[in-house]
C-alpha atoms as a PDB file:
ATOM      1  CA  MET A   1      46.228 176.770  47.743  1.00  0.00           C
ATOM      2  CA  SER A   2      48.614 175.711  45.008  1.00  0.00           C
ATOM      3  CA  ARG A   3      47.386 173.632  42.130  1.00  0.00           C
ATOM      4  CA  ILE A   4      49.971 173.461  39.317  1.00  0.00           C
ATOM      5  CA  THR A   5      48.852 172.445  35.843  1.00  0.00           C
ATOM      6  CA  LEU A   6      51.020 171.940  32.801  1.00  0.00           C
ATOM      7  CA  GLU A   7      49.491 171.700  29.298  1.00  0.00           C
ATOM      8  CA  LYS A   8      51.563 170.481  26.342  1.00  0.00           C
ATOM      9  CA  VAL A   9      54.738 171.948  27.786  1.00  0.00           C
ATOM     10  CA  CYS A  10      57.780 171.618  25.449  1.00  0.00           C
ATOM     11  CA  LYS A  11      61.316 172.852  25.889  1.00  0.00           C
ATOM     12  CA  SER A  12      64.029 172.951  23.248  1.00  0.00           C
ATOM     13  CA  PHE A  13      67.552 174.254  23.291  1.00  0.00           C
ATOM     14  CA  GLY A  14      68.102 175.070  19.634  1.00  0.00           C
ATOM     15  CA  ALA A  15      67.428 171.912  17.661  1.00  0.00           C
ATOM     16  CA  LEU A  16      67.581 169.741  20.767  1.00  0.00           C
ATOM     17  CA  GLY A  17      64.176 168.853  22.217  1.00  0.00           C
ATOM     18  CA  VAL A  18      64.407 168.282  25.956  1.00  0.00           C
ATOM     19  CA  LEU A  19      60.722 168.205  27.049  1.00  0.00           C
ATOM     20  CA  HIS A  20      57.918 166.870  24.800  1.00  0.00           C
ATOM     21  CA  ASP A  21      54.176 167.676  25.327  1.00  0.00           C
ATOM     22  CA  ILE A  22      54.177 167.378  29.153  1.00  0.00           C
ATOM     23  CA  ASP A  23      50.612 167.251  30.562  1.00  0.00           C
ATOM     24  CA  LEU A  24      50.438 167.212  34.357  1.00  0.00           C
ATOM     25  CA  ASP A  25      47.908 168.173  37.016  1.00  0.00           C
ATOM     26  CA  ILE A  26      49.460 168.558  40.469  1.00  0.00           C
ATOM     27  CA  ARG A  27      46.797 168.919  43.070  1.00  0.00           C
ATOM     28  CA  ASP A  28      47.008 171.209  46.092  1.00  0.00           C
ATOM     29  CA  GLY A  29      48.879 169.584  49.003  1.00  0.00           C
ATOM     30  CA  GLU A  30      50.326 166.712  47.013  1.00  0.00           C
ATOM     31  CA  PHE A  31      53.853 165.409  47.357  1.00  0.00           C
ATOM     32  CA  VAL A  32      54.759 164.761  43.717  1.00  0.00           C
ATOM     33  CA  VAL A  33      58.123 163.252  42.745  1.00  0.00           C
ATOM     34  CA  PHE A  34      59.706 163.522  39.338  1.00  0.00           C
ATOM     35  CA  VAL A  35      61.890 160.456  38.792  1.00  0.00           C
ATOM     36  CA  GLY A  36      63.861 159.041  35.923  1.00  0.00           C
ATOM     37  CA  PRO A  37      67.399 158.400  34.748  1.00  0.00           C
ATOM     38  CA  SER A  38      70.010 161.171  34.320  1.00  0.00           C
ATOM     39  CA  GLY A  39      69.234 163.405  31.399  1.00  0.00           C
ATOM     40  CA  CYS A  40      65.502 162.579  31.255  1.00  0.00           C
ATOM     41  CA  GLY A  41      64.416 166.237  31.805  1.00  0.00           C
ATOM     42  CA  LYS A  42      63.492 166.204  35.504  1.00  0.00           C
ATOM     43  CA  SER A  43      65.365 169.313  36.547  1.00  0.00           C
ATOM     44  CA  THR A  44      64.481 171.110  33.314  1.00  0.00           C
ATOM     45  CA  LEU A  45      60.828 170.525  33.990  1.00  0.00           C
ATOM     46  CA  LEU A  46      61.213 171.770  37.542  1.00  0.00           C
ATOM     47  CA  ARG A  47      62.866 174.935  36.219  1.00  0.00           C
ATOM     48  CA  GLN A  48      59.908 175.608  33.984  1.00  0.00           C
ATOM     49  CA  ILE A  49      57.537 175.459  36.918  1.00  0.00           C
ATOM     50  CA  ALA A  50      59.871 177.575  39.070  1.00  0.00           C
ATOM     51  CA  GLY A  51      60.141 180.283  36.412  1.00  0.00           C
ATOM     52  CA  LEU A  52      63.938 179.978  36.142  1.00  0.00           C
ATOM     53  CA  ASP A  53      63.394 179.123  32.479  1.00  0.00           C
ATOM     54  CA  ARG A  54      60.507 179.518  30.036  1.00  0.00           C
ATOM     55  CA  PRO A  55      58.952 176.726  27.979  1.00  0.00           C
ATOM     56  CA  THR A  56      59.328 176.816  24.259  1.00  0.00           C
ATOM     57  CA  SER A  57      55.605 176.090  23.922  1.00  0.00           C
ATOM     58  CA  GLY A  58      52.661 175.052  26.122  1.00  0.00           C
ATOM     59  CA  GLU A  59      51.183 176.608  29.250  1.00  0.00           C
ATOM     60  CA  ILE A  60      51.897 176.468  32.968  1.00  0.00           C
ATOM     61  CA  HIS A  61      49.108 177.490  35.354  1.00  0.00           C
ATOM     62  CA  ILE A  62      49.347 178.058  39.147  1.00  0.00           C
ATOM     63  CA  ASP A  63      45.934 178.131  40.790  1.00  0.00           C
ATOM     64  CA  GLY A  64      44.356 178.759  37.425  1.00  0.00           C
ATOM     65  CA  LYS A  65      46.603 181.694  36.526  1.00  0.00           C
ATOM     66  CA  LEU A  66      48.808 181.456  33.413  1.00  0.00           C
ATOM     67  CA  VAL A  67      52.389 182.091  34.684  1.00  0.00           C
ATOM     68  CA  ASN A  68      54.526 181.486  31.563  1.00  0.00           C
ATOM     69  CA  THR A  69      55.779 185.124  31.644  1.00  0.00           C
ATOM     70  CA  VAL A  70      55.550 185.679  35.407  1.00  0.00           C
ATOM     71  CA  PRO A  71      59.045 186.054  37.003  1.00  0.00           C
ATOM     72  CA  ALA A  72      60.185 183.381  39.358  1.00  0.00           C
ATOM     73  CA  ALA A  73      60.113 185.822  42.336  1.00  0.00           C
ATOM     74  CA  ASP A  74      56.395 186.490  41.742  1.00  0.00           C
ATOM     75  CA  ARG A  75      55.145 182.899  41.506  1.00  0.00           C
ATOM     76  CA  GLY A  76      54.962 182.325  45.259  1.00  0.00           C
ATOM     77  CA  LEU A  77      57.169 179.229  45.046  1.00  0.00           C
ATOM     78  CA  ALA A  78      60.280 178.331  47.050  1.00  0.00           C
ATOM     79  CA  MET A  79      63.113 176.236  45.703  1.00  0.00           C
ATOM     80  CA  VAL A  80      65.622 174.080  47.531  1.00  0.00           C
ATOM     81  CA  PHE A  81      68.725 173.211  45.506  1.00  0.00           C
ATOM     82  CA  GLN A  82      71.076 170.246  45.528  1.00  0.00           C
ATOM     83  CA  SER A  83      74.017 172.569  46.500  1.00  0.00           C
ATOM     84  CA  TYR A  84      72.108 174.136  49.475  1.00  0.00           C
ATOM     85  CA  ALA A  85      73.008 177.638  47.920  1.00  0.00           C
ATOM     86  CA  LEU A  86      73.643 179.161  51.392  1.00  0.00           C
ATOM     87  CA  TYR A  87      75.625 182.380  51.873  1.00  0.00           C
ATOM     88  CA  PRO A  88      78.920 181.174  53.546  1.00  0.00           C
ATOM     89  CA  HIS A  89      79.725 184.581  55.127  1.00  0.00           C
ATOM     90  CA  MET A  90      76.311 184.821  56.843  1.00  0.00           C
ATOM     91  CA  SER A  91      75.081 183.090  59.986  1.00  0.00           C
ATOM     92  CA  VAL A  92      72.189 180.656  59.803  1.00  0.00           C
ATOM     93  CA  ARG A  93      69.911 183.335  61.158  1.00  0.00           C
ATOM     94  CA  GLN A  94      71.036 185.771  58.481  1.00  0.00           C
ATOM     95  CA  ASN A  95      70.626 183.227  55.773  1.00  0.00           C
ATOM     96  CA  LEU A  96      67.020 182.583  56.908  1.00  0.00           C
ATOM     97  CA  ALA A  97      66.272 186.331  57.161  1.00  0.00           C
ATOM     98  CA  PHE A  98      67.928 187.503  53.952  1.00  0.00           C
ATOM     99  CA  GLY A  99      65.026 187.030  51.489  1.00  0.00           C
ATOM    100  CA  LEU A 100      62.505 188.430  53.999  1.00  0.00           C
ATOM    101  CA  GLU A 101      64.622 191.508  54.671  1.00  0.00           C
ATOM    102  CA  ASN A 102      64.866 192.155  50.917  1.00  0.00           C
ATOM    103  CA  ALA A 103      61.076 192.039  50.784  1.00  0.00           C
ATOM    104  CA  ARG A 104      61.057 194.645  53.574  1.00  0.00           C
ATOM    105  CA  MET A 105      59.102 192.461  55.934  1.00  0.00           C
ATOM    106  CA  PRO A 106      58.771 193.929  59.490  1.00  0.00           C
ATOM    107  CA  ARG A 107      61.487 192.624  61.888  1.00  0.00           C
ATOM    108  CA  ALA A 108      58.966 191.178  64.326  1.00  0.00           C
ATOM    109  CA  GLU A 109      57.417 189.005  61.576  1.00  0.00           C
ATOM    110  CA  ILE A 110      60.910 187.922  60.370  1.00  0.00           C
ATOM    111  CA  ASP A 111      61.900 186.862  63.912  1.00  0.00           C
ATOM    112  CA  LYS A 112      58.639 184.999  64.311  1.00  0.00           C
ATOM    113  CA  ARG A 113      59.064 183.033  61.080  1.00  0.00           C
ATOM    114  CA  ILE A 114      62.708 182.200  61.859  1.00  0.00           C
ATOM    115  CA  ALA A 115      61.760 180.958  65.336  1.00  0.00           C
ATOM    116  CA  GLU A 116      58.979 178.758  63.921  1.00  0.00           C
ATOM    117  CA  ALA A 117      61.206 177.240  61.187  1.00  0.00           C
ATOM    118  CA  ALA A 118      64.037 176.723  63.646  1.00  0.00           C
ATOM    119  CA  ARG A 119      61.614 174.843  66.015  1.00  0.00           C
ATOM    120  CA  MET A 120      60.163 172.770  63.220  1.00  0.00           C
ATOM    121  CA  LEU A 121      63.567 171.740  61.829  1.00  0.00           C
ATOM    122  CA  GLU A 122      65.426 171.599  65.182  1.00  0.00           C
ATOM    123  CA  ILE A 123      68.086 174.043  64.133  1.00  0.00           C
ATOM    124  CA  GLY A 124      67.617 176.526  66.967  1.00  0.00           C
ATOM    125  CA  ASP A 125      71.055 175.735  68.409  1.00  0.00           C
ATOM    126  CA  TYR A 126      72.790 176.589  65.085  1.00  0.00           C
ATOM    127  CA  LEU A 127      71.289 180.020  64.388  1.00  0.00           C
ATOM    128  CA  GLU A 128      74.484 181.924  65.158  1.00  0.00           C
ATOM    129  CA  ARG A 129      76.797 179.510  63.299  1.00  0.00           C
ATOM    130  CA  ARG A 130      77.884 179.863  59.725  1.00  0.00           C
ATOM    131  CA  PRO A 131      77.236 177.158  57.103  1.00  0.00           C
ATOM    132  CA  GLY A 132      80.851 175.995  57.146  1.00  0.00           C
ATOM    133  CA  GLN A 133      80.443 175.030  60.808  1.00  0.00           C
ATOM    134  CA  LEU A 134      77.530 172.724  60.053  1.00  0.00           C
ATOM    135  CA  SER A 135      77.284 169.097  58.865  1.00  0.00           C
ATOM    136  CA  GLY A 136      75.663 168.313  55.540  1.00  0.00           C
ATOM    137  CA  GLY A 137      72.368 167.354  57.140  1.00  0.00           C
ATOM    138  CA  GLN A 138      72.313 170.586  59.144  1.00  0.00           C
ATOM    139  CA  ARG A 139      73.022 172.664  56.044  1.00  0.00           C
ATOM    140  CA  GLN A 140      70.222 170.916  54.251  1.00  0.00           C
ATOM    141  CA  ARG A 141      67.837 171.744  57.115  1.00  0.00           C
ATOM    142  CA  VAL A 142      68.857 175.390  56.854  1.00  0.00           C
ATOM    143  CA  ALA A 143      68.233 175.369  53.072  1.00  0.00           C
ATOM    144  CA  ILE A 144      64.782 173.941  53.711  1.00  0.00           C
ATOM    145  CA  GLY A 145      64.216 176.484  56.507  1.00  0.00           C
ATOM    146  CA  ARG A 146      65.032 179.326  54.153  1.00  0.00           C
ATOM    147  CA  ALA A 147      62.199 178.106  51.943  1.00  0.00           C
ATOM    148  CA  ILE A 148      59.803 177.562  54.819  1.00  0.00           C
ATOM    149  CA  VAL A 149      60.091 181.148  56.179  1.00  0.00           C
ATOM    150  CA  ARG A 150      58.735 182.447  52.888  1.00  0.00           C
ATOM    151  CA  ASN A 151      55.460 180.676  53.431  1.00  0.00           C
ATOM    152  CA  PRO A 152      55.351 179.580  49.794  1.00  0.00           C
ATOM    153  CA  THR A 153      52.405 178.161  47.998  1.00  0.00           C
ATOM    154  CA  ALA A 154      54.563 175.212  46.903  1.00  0.00           C
ATOM    155  CA  PHE A 155      58.075 173.834  47.550  1.00  0.00           C
ATOM    156  CA  LEU A 156      60.302 172.791  44.633  1.00  0.00           C
ATOM    157  CA  LEU A 157      63.161 170.513  45.691  1.00  0.00           C
ATOM    158  CA  ASP A 158      65.857 169.589  43.159  1.00  0.00           C
ATOM    159  CA  GLU A 159      67.725 166.448  44.395  1.00  0.00           C
ATOM    160  CA  PRO A 160      68.183 167.984  47.885  1.00  0.00           C
ATOM    161  CA  LEU A 161      69.599 164.785  49.444  1.00  0.00           C
ATOM    162  CA  SER A 162      72.102 163.733  46.791  1.00  0.00           C
ATOM    163  CA  ASN A 163      75.064 165.214  48.618  1.00  0.00           C
ATOM    164  CA  LEU A 164      74.378 163.290  51.818  1.00  0.00           C
ATOM    165  CA  ASP A 165      75.673 159.877  52.883  1.00  0.00           C
ATOM    166  CA  ALA A 166      73.335 156.882  52.810  1.00  0.00           C
ATOM    167  CA  GLU A 167      72.400 156.872  56.488  1.00  0.00           C
ATOM    168  CA  LEU A 168      71.688 160.578  56.570  1.00  0.00           C
ATOM    169  CA  ARG A 169      69.604 160.354  53.391  1.00  0.00           C
ATOM    170  CA  ILE A 170      67.322 157.864  55.095  1.00  0.00           C
ATOM    171  CA  SER A 171      66.819 160.056  58.131  1.00  0.00           C
ATOM    172  CA  MET A 172      66.298 163.200  56.041  1.00  0.00           C
ATOM    173  CA  ARG A 173      63.687 161.387  53.892  1.00  0.00           C
ATOM    174  CA  ALA A 174      61.732 160.700  57.084  1.00  0.00           C
ATOM    175  CA  GLU A 175      62.095 164.334  58.129  1.00  0.00           C
ATOM    176  CA  LEU A 176      60.875 165.619  54.744  1.00  0.00           C
ATOM    177  CA  SER A 177      57.849 163.314  54.894  1.00  0.00           C
ATOM    178  CA  ALA A 178      56.982 164.490  58.379  1.00  0.00           C
ATOM    179  CA  LEU A 179      57.460 168.109  57.296  1.00  0.00           C
ATOM    180  CA  HIS A 180      54.955 167.631  54.473  1.00  0.00           C
ATOM    181  CA  ASP A 181      52.500 166.093  56.864  1.00  0.00           C
ATOM    182  CA  ARG A 182      52.744 169.114  59.107  1.00  0.00           C
ATOM    183  CA  LEU A 183      52.701 171.819  56.436  1.00  0.00           C
ATOM    184  CA  ARG A 184      50.266 170.142  53.934  1.00  0.00           C
ATOM    185  CA  THR A 185      51.768 172.339  51.264  1.00  0.00           C
ATOM    186  CA  THR A 186      52.320 171.173  47.698  1.00  0.00           C
ATOM    187  CA  MET A 187      55.817 169.746  47.185  1.00  0.00           C
ATOM    188  CA  ILE A 188      57.464 168.786  43.910  1.00  0.00           C
ATOM    189  CA  TYR A 189      60.629 166.770  44.358  1.00  0.00           C
ATOM    190  CA  VAL A 190      63.214 165.761  41.732  1.00  0.00           C
ATOM    191  CA  THR A 191      65.352 162.646  42.201  1.00  0.00           C
ATOM    192  CA  HIS A 192      66.967 159.940  40.140  1.00  0.00           C
ATOM    193  CA  ASP A 193      66.659 157.588  43.143  1.00  0.00           C
ATOM    194  CA  GLN A 194      63.534 155.516  42.811  1.00  0.00           C
ATOM    195  CA  ILE A 195      63.657 154.477  46.461  1.00  0.00           C
ATOM    196  CA  GLU A 196      63.323 158.143  47.458  1.00  0.00           C
ATOM    197  CA  ALA A 197      60.439 158.398  45.019  1.00  0.00           C
ATOM    198  CA  MET A 198      58.696 155.326  46.452  1.00  0.00           C
ATOM    199  CA  THR A 199      59.060 156.396  50.104  1.00  0.00           C
ATOM    200  CA  LEU A 200      58.160 160.075  49.754  1.00  0.00           C
ATOM    201  CA  ALA A 201      55.608 160.524  47.028  1.00  0.00           C
ATOM    202  CA  SER A 202      51.854 160.607  47.073  1.00  0.00           C
ATOM    203  CA  ARG A 203      52.225 160.386  43.290  1.00  0.00           C
ATOM    204  CA  ILE A 204      55.239 159.698  41.083  1.00  0.00           C
ATOM    205  CA  VAL A 205      55.871 161.043  37.582  1.00  0.00           C
ATOM    206  CA  VAL A 206      58.216 158.759  35.655  1.00  0.00           C
ATOM    207  CA  LEU A 207      60.129 160.550  32.880  1.00  0.00           C
ATOM    208  CA  ARG A 208      62.246 159.181  30.069  1.00  0.00           C
ATOM    209  CA  LYS A 209      63.821 161.215  27.284  1.00  0.00           C
ATOM    210  CA  GLY A 210      61.636 164.238  28.095  1.00  0.00           C
ATOM    211  CA  ARG A 211      58.354 162.357  28.030  1.00  0.00           C
ATOM    212  CA  VAL A 212      56.003 161.223  30.771  1.00  0.00           C
ATOM    213  CA  GLU A 213      55.952 157.423  30.854  1.00  0.00           C
ATOM    214  CA  GLN A 214      53.511 157.036  33.692  1.00  0.00           C
ATOM    215  CA  VAL A 215      51.876 158.931  36.600  1.00  0.00           C
ATOM    216  CA  GLY A 216      50.518 157.181  39.615  1.00  0.00           C
ATOM    217  CA  THR A 217      50.932 156.286  43.303  1.00  0.00           C
ATOM    218  CA  PRO A 218      54.045 154.322  44.198  1.00  0.00           C
ATOM    219  CA  LEU A 219      52.109 151.056  44.489  1.00  0.00           C
ATOM    220  CA  ASP A 220      50.303 151.717  41.184  1.00  0.00           C
ATOM    221  CA  LEU A 221      53.653 151.914  39.465  1.00  0.00           C
ATOM    222  CA  TYR A 222      55.074 148.947  41.333  1.00  0.00           C
ATOM    223  CA  ASN A 223      52.052 146.678  40.840  1.00  0.00           C
ATOM    224  CA  ARG A 224      50.854 147.699  37.364  1.00  0.00           C
ATOM    225  CA  PRO A 225      53.665 149.435  35.436  1.00  0.00           C
ATOM    226  CA  ALA A 226      52.380 150.782  32.145  1.00  0.00           C
ATOM    227  CA  ASN A 227      55.428 149.617  30.198  1.00  0.00           C
ATOM    228  CA  ARG A 228      58.660 147.683  30.455  1.00  0.00           C
ATOM    229  CA  PHE A 229      60.685 150.839  31.176  1.00  0.00           C
ATOM    230  CA  VAL A 230      58.633 151.715  34.258  1.00  0.00           C
ATOM    231  CA  ALA A 231      58.624 148.084  35.349  1.00  0.00           C
ATOM    232  CA  GLY A 232      62.387 147.988  35.201  1.00  0.00           C
ATOM    233  CA  PHE A 233      62.967 151.378  36.760  1.00  0.00           C
ATOM    234  CA  ILE A 234      60.664 151.102  39.757  1.00  0.00           C
ATOM    235  CA  GLY A 235      61.689 148.532  42.321  1.00  0.00           C
ATOM    236  CA  ALA A 236      65.087 147.420  43.653  1.00  0.00           C
ATOM    237  CA  PRO A 237      66.625 145.141  42.558  1.00  0.00           C
ATOM    238  CA  SER A 238      65.076 145.774  39.125  1.00  0.00           C
ATOM    239  CA  MET A 239      62.557 143.435  37.615  1.00  0.00           C
ATOM    240  CA  ASN A 240      63.678 140.323  35.787  1.00  0.00           C
ATOM    241  CA  PHE A 241      62.668 140.008  32.109  1.00  0.00           C
ATOM    242  CA  VAL A 242      62.607 136.722  30.272  1.00  0.00           C
ATOM    243  CA  LYS A 243      61.256 135.612  26.901  1.00  0.00           C
ATOM    244  CA  GLY A 244      57.894 134.016  26.636  1.00  0.00           C
ATOM    245  CA  THR A 245      55.399 132.776  24.059  1.00  0.00           C
ATOM    246  CA  VAL A 246      51.604 133.011  24.284  1.00  0.00           C
ATOM    247  CA  VAL A 247      50.020 129.547  24.269  1.00  0.00           C
ATOM    248  CA  GLU A 248      46.394 130.477  24.772  1.00  0.00           C
ATOM    249  CA  ALA A 249      44.623 133.806  25.292  1.00  0.00           C
ATOM    250  CA  GLY A 250      41.362 133.545  27.198  1.00  0.00           C
ATOM    251  CA  ASP A 251      38.852 135.948  28.691  1.00  0.00           C
ATOM    252  CA  THR A 252      40.135 135.436  32.220  1.00  0.00           C
ATOM    253  CA  ALA A 253      43.673 134.117  31.805  1.00  0.00           C
ATOM    254  CA  THR A 254      46.656 134.067  29.475  1.00  0.00           C
ATOM    255  CA  SER A 255      48.736 130.923  29.162  1.00  0.00           C
ATOM    256  CA  VAL A 256      52.401 131.572  28.483  1.00  0.00           C
ATOM    257  CA  SER A 257      55.364 129.327  27.911  1.00  0.00           C
ATOM    258  CA  LEU A 258      58.576 130.537  29.587  1.00  0.00           C
ATOM    259  CA  MET A 259      61.763 129.024  30.933  1.00  0.00           C
ATOM    260  CA  GLY A 260      60.546 125.511  30.115  1.00  0.00           C
ATOM    261  CA  LEU A 261      57.243 125.971  31.988  1.00  0.00           C
ATOM    262  CA  SER A 262      53.667 126.518  30.912  1.00  0.00           C
ATOM    263  CA  VAL A 263      52.041 129.131  33.167  1.00  0.00           C
ATOM    264  CA  ALA A 264      48.466 130.519  33.288  1.00  0.00           C
ATOM    265  CA  VAL A 265      48.659 134.196  34.138  1.00  0.00           C
ATOM    266  CA  PRO A 266      45.242 134.945  35.779  1.00  0.00           C
ATOM    267  CA  ARG A 267      44.595 138.069  33.672  1.00  0.00           C
ATOM    268  CA  PRO A 268      43.450 138.531  30.111  1.00  0.00           C
ATOM    269  CA  ALA A 269      45.780 140.136  27.583  1.00  0.00           C
ATOM    270  CA  ALA A 270      43.782 141.984  24.953  1.00  0.00           C
ATOM    271  CA  GLY A 271      44.853 141.546  21.338  1.00  0.00           C
ATOM    272  CA  VAL A 272      47.414 138.761  21.794  1.00  0.00           C
ATOM    273  CA  ALA A 273      47.327 135.554  19.780  1.00  0.00           C
ATOM    274  CA  PRO A 274      48.783 132.034  20.305  1.00  0.00           C
ATOM    275  CA  GLY A 275      52.369 131.924  19.220  1.00  0.00           C
ATOM    276  CA  GLN A 276      52.966 135.621  19.897  1.00  0.00           C
ATOM    277  CA  ALA A 277      56.325 136.468  21.534  1.00  0.00           C
ATOM    278  CA  VAL A 278      56.087 138.435  24.819  1.00  0.00           C
ATOM    279  CA  SER A 279      58.435 139.778  27.394  1.00  0.00           C
ATOM    280  CA  VAL A 280      57.610 138.393  30.840  1.00  0.00           C
ATOM    281  CA  GLY A 281      58.527 140.423  33.897  1.00  0.00           C
ATOM    282  CA  LEU A 282      58.987 139.002  37.396  1.00  0.00           C
ATOM    283  CA  ARG A 283      60.178 140.932  40.485  1.00  0.00           C
ATOM    284  CA  PRO A 284      63.033 139.366  42.445  1.00  0.00           C
ATOM    285  CA  GLN A 285      61.018 139.675  45.644  1.00  0.00           C
ATOM    286  CA  HIS A 286      58.325 137.457  44.162  1.00  0.00           C
ATOM    287  CA  ILE A 287      60.688 134.502  43.618  1.00  0.00           C
ATOM    288  CA  SER A 288      61.236 131.762  46.267  1.00  0.00           C
ATOM    289  CA  LEU A 289      63.094 128.510  46.584  1.00  0.00           C
ATOM    290  CA  ALA A 290      60.975 125.536  45.392  1.00  0.00           C
ATOM    291  CA  GLY A 291      60.440 122.805  47.941  1.00  0.00           C
ATOM    292  CA  ASP A 292      62.025 119.399  47.606  1.00  0.00           C
ATOM    293  CA  GLY A 293      60.611 117.690  44.573  1.00  0.00           C
ATOM    294  CA  GLY A 294      58.456 120.741  43.760  1.00  0.00           C
ATOM    295  CA  ASP A 295      57.961 122.488  40.498  1.00  0.00           C
ATOM    296  CA  GLY A 296      60.171 125.417  39.601  1.00  0.00           C
ATOM    297  CA  VAL A 297      62.834 126.684  37.243  1.00  0.00           C
ATOM    298  CA  PRO A 298      66.250 124.978  37.474  1.00  0.00           C
ATOM    299  CA  VAL A 299      68.888 127.699  37.987  1.00  0.00           C
ATOM    300  CA  GLU A 300      72.660 127.668  38.402  1.00  0.00           C
ATOM    301  CA  VAL A 301      73.707 130.120  41.110  1.00  0.00           C
ATOM    302  CA  THR A 302      76.370 132.564  39.862  1.00  0.00           C
ATOM    303  CA  LEU A 303      76.532 134.982  42.791  1.00  0.00           C
ATOM    304  CA  VAL A 304      75.179 135.115  46.369  1.00  0.00           C
ATOM    305  CA  GLU A 305      74.783 138.381  48.289  1.00  0.00           C
ATOM    306  CA  ALA A 306      74.237 137.640  51.973  1.00  0.00           C
ATOM    307  CA  LEU A 307      72.726 140.825  53.515  1.00  0.00           C
ATOM    308  CA  GLY A 308      71.657 139.337  56.836  1.00  0.00           C
ATOM    309  CA  SER A 309      67.936 139.973  56.758  1.00  0.00           C
ATOM    310  CA  GLU A 310      67.770 138.773  53.183  1.00  0.00           C
ATOM    311  CA  THR A 311      69.776 136.863  50.628  1.00  0.00           C
ATOM    312  CA  VAL A 312      70.017 138.015  46.992  1.00  0.00           C
ATOM    313  CA  ILE A 313      70.975 135.291  44.524  1.00  0.00           C
ATOM    314  CA  HIS A 314      71.913 135.766  40.894  1.00  0.00           C
ATOM    315  CA  GLY A 315      71.519 132.815  38.615  1.00  0.00           C
ATOM    316  CA  ARG A 316      71.278 131.515  35.109  1.00  0.00           C
ATOM    317  CA  THR A 317      68.645 129.191  33.633  1.00  0.00           C
ATOM    318  CA  GLY A 318      69.405 126.291  31.300  1.00  0.00           C
ATOM    319  CA  GLY A 319      68.333 128.527  28.428  1.00  0.00           C
ATOM    320  CA  GLY A 320      70.902 131.190  29.453  1.00  0.00           C
ATOM    321  CA  GLU A 321      68.464 133.702  30.884  1.00  0.00           C
ATOM    322  CA  ARG A 322      69.546 135.569  33.993  1.00  0.00           C
ATOM    323  CA  LEU A 323      67.460 135.814  37.137  1.00  0.00           C
ATOM    324  CA  GLN A 324      67.784 137.635  40.442  1.00  0.00           C
ATOM    325  CA  ALA A 325      65.877 136.501  43.522  1.00  0.00           C
ATOM    326  CA  VAL A 326      65.524 138.167  46.929  1.00  0.00           C
ATOM    327  CA  LEU A 327      64.973 135.502  49.588  1.00  0.00           C
ATOM    328  CA  ALA A 328      63.907 136.413  53.047  1.00  0.00           C
ATOM    329  CA  GLY A 329      66.399 135.439  55.801  1.00  0.00           C
ATOM    330  CA  GLN A 330      69.743 133.679  55.477  1.00  0.00           C
ATOM    331  CA  HIS A 331      70.467 130.815  53.105  1.00  0.00           C
ATOM    332  CA  ALA A 332      73.620 128.710  52.836  1.00  0.00           C
ATOM    333  CA  LEU A 333      73.991 128.906  49.079  1.00  0.00           C
ATOM    334  CA  ARG A 334      77.195 129.176  47.074  1.00  0.00           C
ATOM    335  CA  ALA A 335      78.046 130.040  43.448  1.00  0.00           C
ATOM    336  CA  GLY A 336      77.972 126.928  41.258  1.00  0.00           C
ATOM    337  CA  GLU A 337      75.114 125.284  43.120  1.00  0.00           C
ATOM    338  CA  SER A 338      71.887 124.334  41.343  1.00  0.00           C
ATOM    339  CA  VAL A 339      68.571 125.391  42.847  1.00  0.00           C
ATOM    340  CA  ARG A 340      64.943 125.419  41.714  1.00  0.00           C
ATOM    341  CA  LEU A 341      63.143 128.757  41.885  1.00  0.00           C
ATOM    342  CA  ALA A 342      59.351 129.108  42.137  1.00  0.00           C
ATOM    343  CA  PHE A 343      56.926 131.959  41.589  1.00  0.00           C
ATOM    344  CA  ALA A 344      53.193 132.580  41.513  1.00  0.00           C
ATOM    345  CA  PRO A 345      51.596 133.104  38.093  1.00  0.00           C
ATOM    346  CA  ALA A 346      49.693 136.136  39.384  1.00  0.00           C
ATOM    347  CA  ASP A 347      53.071 137.893  39.928  1.00  0.00           C
ATOM    348  CA  LEU A 348      54.055 137.819  36.260  1.00  0.00           C
ATOM    349  CA  HIS A 349      53.752 140.923  34.031  1.00  0.00           C
ATOM    350  CA  LEU A 350      53.384 140.596  30.278  1.00  0.00           C
ATOM    351  CA  PHE A 351      54.708 143.172  27.778  1.00  0.00           C
ATOM    352  CA  ASP A 352      54.620 143.292  23.969  1.00  0.00           C
ATOM    353  CA  ASP A 353      57.552 143.740  21.638  1.00  0.00           C
ATOM    354  CA  ALA A 354      57.118 147.564  21.934  1.00  0.00           C
ATOM    355  CA  GLY A 355      57.401 147.331  25.726  1.00  0.00           C
ATOM    356  CA  LEU A 356      53.708 148.119  26.468  1.00  0.00           C
ATOM    357  CA  ARG A 357      51.815 146.316  29.139  1.00  0.00           C
ATOM    358  CA  LEU A 358      49.608 143.426  28.018  1.00  0.00           C
ATOM    359  CA  ALA A 359      48.620 141.889  31.368  1.00  0.00           C
END
């Protein structure tokens, strides 16, 4: 069991506040991902949980026990670092065994745990090699194996895939997800890559400037972002934002004027009034080409990215607002052409001038 609870956790380095009133409840067996831009406090927060650093204020509980002053080695957690942190002069087997030998575990148990981790991670053929003789993906498996053999109550992973190339990152993501399914152990994973967050997490914690912006499942954050920051951070390419004005606010719909159109968003927006300026969000994947003679927004194409399975177009409206659209399949479009883009009113997101979600 490993339920990890943080209550009003703050961290400051001198006068510089890095974490601000972090409240989190990570349930046993969850795969929770901390995501956010560089410098948002992701790794600092992970270090507080690991015990590598102490919070300035607030409390951290593991399975109901206050652990603020408990040393890292006694928290029952295992950490996997971005740099792998393997001993270069030791074989893979020796790297896996090192922590267990220091804990004076019986040799038979050590061998059993190494054999199980090697089978699980498919590194049995590399046990007598040294880290310098392994590829990046193989070294990452060894680093994860060193955590597995400890039988921790939770795994803490700090950007473990950032040193790998794009293709290997994809395969390692799949392996980590499958590993979690087998172990059913709590995992907390730090990344700046929102695609990793979306594909791995059972819940995502979005951080900005040391504060939690939103916590939810990947689809919660994608479909109902709490604010404009989350809306723009989650999803690739990022969400389009254009200016809009409320025309009418009803109990079941909100009419908005944007890009020369009047659109009825089929959701109420509490507290808005006619004439109020709003920011309107629209994901590139929710934009399509309008049919001949159909309604839509006239756009001048400025760039076309032909990716084979899809075509990404960048354009500019008559009012100077920029739009990106992701179109399925291949389209013979060129920069300088004029097209009309269409979207469904239900796919629009409304935010106020403070960036908070309205509808």
